[in-house]
Amino acid sequence: MSDDNIKPEEVSQLQAYLARTFKSEGFALKMREKANDSVEVILNGEFVGVLYKLVDEGETSYDFNMSILDIDLKG
């Protein structure tokens, strides 16, 4: 298993971090079927983005990618 694979204990820690940071218990992280280095981010049952694990020179970081469509801005 590669260092950039997200492990179940990391998923729990990341979900707790998102809940604390955004003051919402509505976050859920879901493992992706074809990618081991990222999880789907679900908020109150709705997909909002992807969280990637990055390992570079022994340091680990997580990158949250959220796309916002222009049609969503009008709602």
C-alpha atoms as a PDB file:
ATOM      1  CA  MET A   1       0.000   0.000   0.000  1.00  0.00           C
ATOM      2  CA  SER A   2       1.330   3.364  -1.014  1.00  0.00           C
ATOM      3  CA  ASP A   3       1.844   6.193   1.496  1.00  0.00           C
ATOM      4  CA  ASP A   4      -0.685   8.320  -0.379  1.00  0.00           C
ATOM      5  CA  ASN A   5      -3.550   5.873   0.208  1.00  0.00           C
ATOM      6  CA  ILE A   6      -6.105   7.195   2.686  1.00  0.00           C
ATOM      7  CA  LYS A   7      -6.566   4.826   5.612  1.00  0.00           C
ATOM      8  CA  PRO A   8      -9.845   4.391   7.551  1.00  0.00           C
ATOM      9  CA  GLU A   9      -8.423   6.086  10.664  1.00  0.00           C
ATOM     10  CA  GLU A  10      -7.515   9.129   8.555  1.00  0.00           C
ATOM     11  CA  VAL A  11     -11.080   9.289   7.232  1.00  0.00           C
ATOM     12  CA  SER A  12     -12.381   9.496  10.807  1.00  0.00           C
ATOM     13  CA  GLN A  13      -9.869  12.184  11.742  1.00  0.00           C
ATOM     14  CA  LEU A  14     -10.579  14.223   8.615  1.00  0.00           C
ATOM     15  CA  GLN A  15     -14.341  14.007   9.127  1.00  0.00           C
ATOM     16  CA  ALA A  16     -13.972  15.198  12.729  1.00  0.00           C
ATOM     17  CA  TYR A  17     -11.696  18.038  11.571  1.00  0.00           C
ATOM     18  CA  LEU A  18     -14.242  19.217   8.984  1.00  0.00           C
ATOM     19  CA  ALA A  19     -17.049  19.071  11.570  1.00  0.00           C
ATOM     20  CA  ARG A  20     -14.984  21.155  14.044  1.00  0.00           C
ATOM     21  CA  THR A  21     -13.724  23.645  11.490  1.00  0.00           C
ATOM     22  CA  PHE A  22     -17.047  24.295   9.772  1.00  0.00           C
ATOM     23  CA  LYS A  23     -19.138  23.788  12.931  1.00  0.00           C
ATOM     24  CA  SER A  24     -21.351  21.221  11.215  1.00  0.00           C
ATOM     25  CA  GLU A  25     -22.006  17.580  12.006  1.00  0.00           C
ATOM     26  CA  GLY A  26     -23.364  17.106   8.458  1.00  0.00           C
ATOM     27  CA  PHE A  27     -20.048  16.013   6.952  1.00  0.00           C
ATOM     28  CA  ALA A  28     -19.481  12.464   5.748  1.00  0.00           C
ATOM     29  CA  LEU A  29     -16.479  11.154   3.851  1.00  0.00           C
ATOM     30  CA  LYS A  30     -16.912   8.300   1.414  1.00  0.00           C
ATOM     31  CA  MET A  31     -14.140   6.153  -0.012  1.00  0.00           C
ATOM     32  CA  ARG A  32     -13.936   6.316  -3.808  1.00  0.00           C
ATOM     33  CA  GLU A  33     -14.203   3.118  -5.838  1.00  0.00           C
ATOM     34  CA  LYS A  34     -11.344   3.727  -8.274  1.00  0.00           C
ATOM     35  CA  ALA A  35      -9.040   6.019  -6.295  1.00  0.00           C
ATOM     36  CA  ASN A  36      -7.288   5.246  -3.001  1.00  0.00           C
ATOM     37  CA  ASP A  37      -5.695   8.675  -2.539  1.00  0.00           C
ATOM     38  CA  SER A  38      -8.951  10.588  -2.096  1.00  0.00           C
ATOM     39  CA  VAL A  39     -12.434  10.541  -0.590  1.00  0.00           C
ATOM     40  CA  GLU A  40     -15.724  12.151  -1.578  1.00  0.00           C
ATOM     41  CA  VAL A  41     -16.922  14.909   0.737  1.00  0.00           C
ATOM     42  CA  ILE A  42     -20.643  14.815   1.439  1.00  0.00           C
ATOM     43  CA  LEU A  43     -22.432  17.601   3.335  1.00  0.00           C
ATOM     44  CA  ASN A  44     -25.957  16.946   4.572  1.00  0.00           C
ATOM     45  CA  GLY A  45     -26.322  14.153   2.018  1.00  0.00           C
ATOM     46  CA  GLU A  46     -25.082  16.193  -0.961  1.00  0.00           C
ATOM     47  CA  PHE A  47     -21.751  15.695  -2.752  1.00  0.00           C
ATOM     48  CA  VAL A  48     -19.677  18.886  -2.399  1.00  0.00           C
ATOM     49  CA  GLY A  49     -16.160  17.896  -3.423  1.00  0.00           C
ATOM     50  CA  VAL A  50     -13.155  15.610  -3.209  1.00  0.00           C
ATOM     51  CA  LEU A  51     -10.447  15.569  -0.542  1.00  0.00           C
ATOM     52  CA  TYR A  52      -7.042  14.341  -1.755  1.00  0.00           C
ATOM     53  CA  LYS A  53      -4.119  13.060   0.305  1.00  0.00           C
ATOM     54  CA  LEU A  54      -0.728  14.363  -0.814  1.00  0.00           C
ATOM     55  CA  VAL A  55       2.596  13.003   0.429  1.00  0.00           C
ATOM     56  CA  ASP A  56       5.700  14.948  -0.610  1.00  0.00           C
ATOM     57  CA  GLU A  57       9.180  14.542   0.872  1.00  0.00           C
ATOM     58  CA  GLY A  58       7.747  12.785   3.929  1.00  0.00           C
ATOM     59  CA  GLU A  59       5.169  15.486   4.685  1.00  0.00           C
ATOM     60  CA  THR A  60       1.456  14.758   4.394  1.00  0.00           C
ATOM     61  CA  SER A  61      -1.192  17.301   3.474  1.00  0.00           C
ATOM     62  CA  TYR A  62      -4.804  17.113   2.363  1.00  0.00           C
ATOM     63  CA  ASP A  63      -6.269  19.164  -0.479  1.00  0.00           C
ATOM     64  CA  PHE A  64     -10.020  19.822  -0.582  1.00  0.00           C
ATOM     65  CA  ASN A  65     -11.325  20.497  -4.104  1.00  0.00           C
ATOM     66  CA  MET A  66     -14.828  21.939  -4.440  1.00  0.00           C
ATOM     67  CA  SER A  67     -16.292  22.993  -7.768  1.00  0.00           C
ATOM     68  CA  ILE A  68     -19.015  25.628  -7.786  1.00  0.00           C
ATOM     69  CA  LEU A  69     -21.150  25.920 -10.901  1.00  0.00           C
ATOM     70  CA  ASP A  70     -22.320  29.359 -11.995  1.00  0.00           C
ATOM     71  CA  ILE A  71     -25.931  28.165 -11.988  1.00  0.00           C
ATOM     72  CA  ASP A  72     -25.564  27.336  -8.278  1.00  0.00           C
ATOM     73  CA  LEU A  73     -24.706  30.974  -7.533  1.00  0.00           C
ATOM     74  CA  LYS A  74     -28.134  32.121  -8.684  1.00  0.00           C
ATOM     75  CA  GLY A  75     -30.065  29.896  -6.268  1.00  0.00           C
END
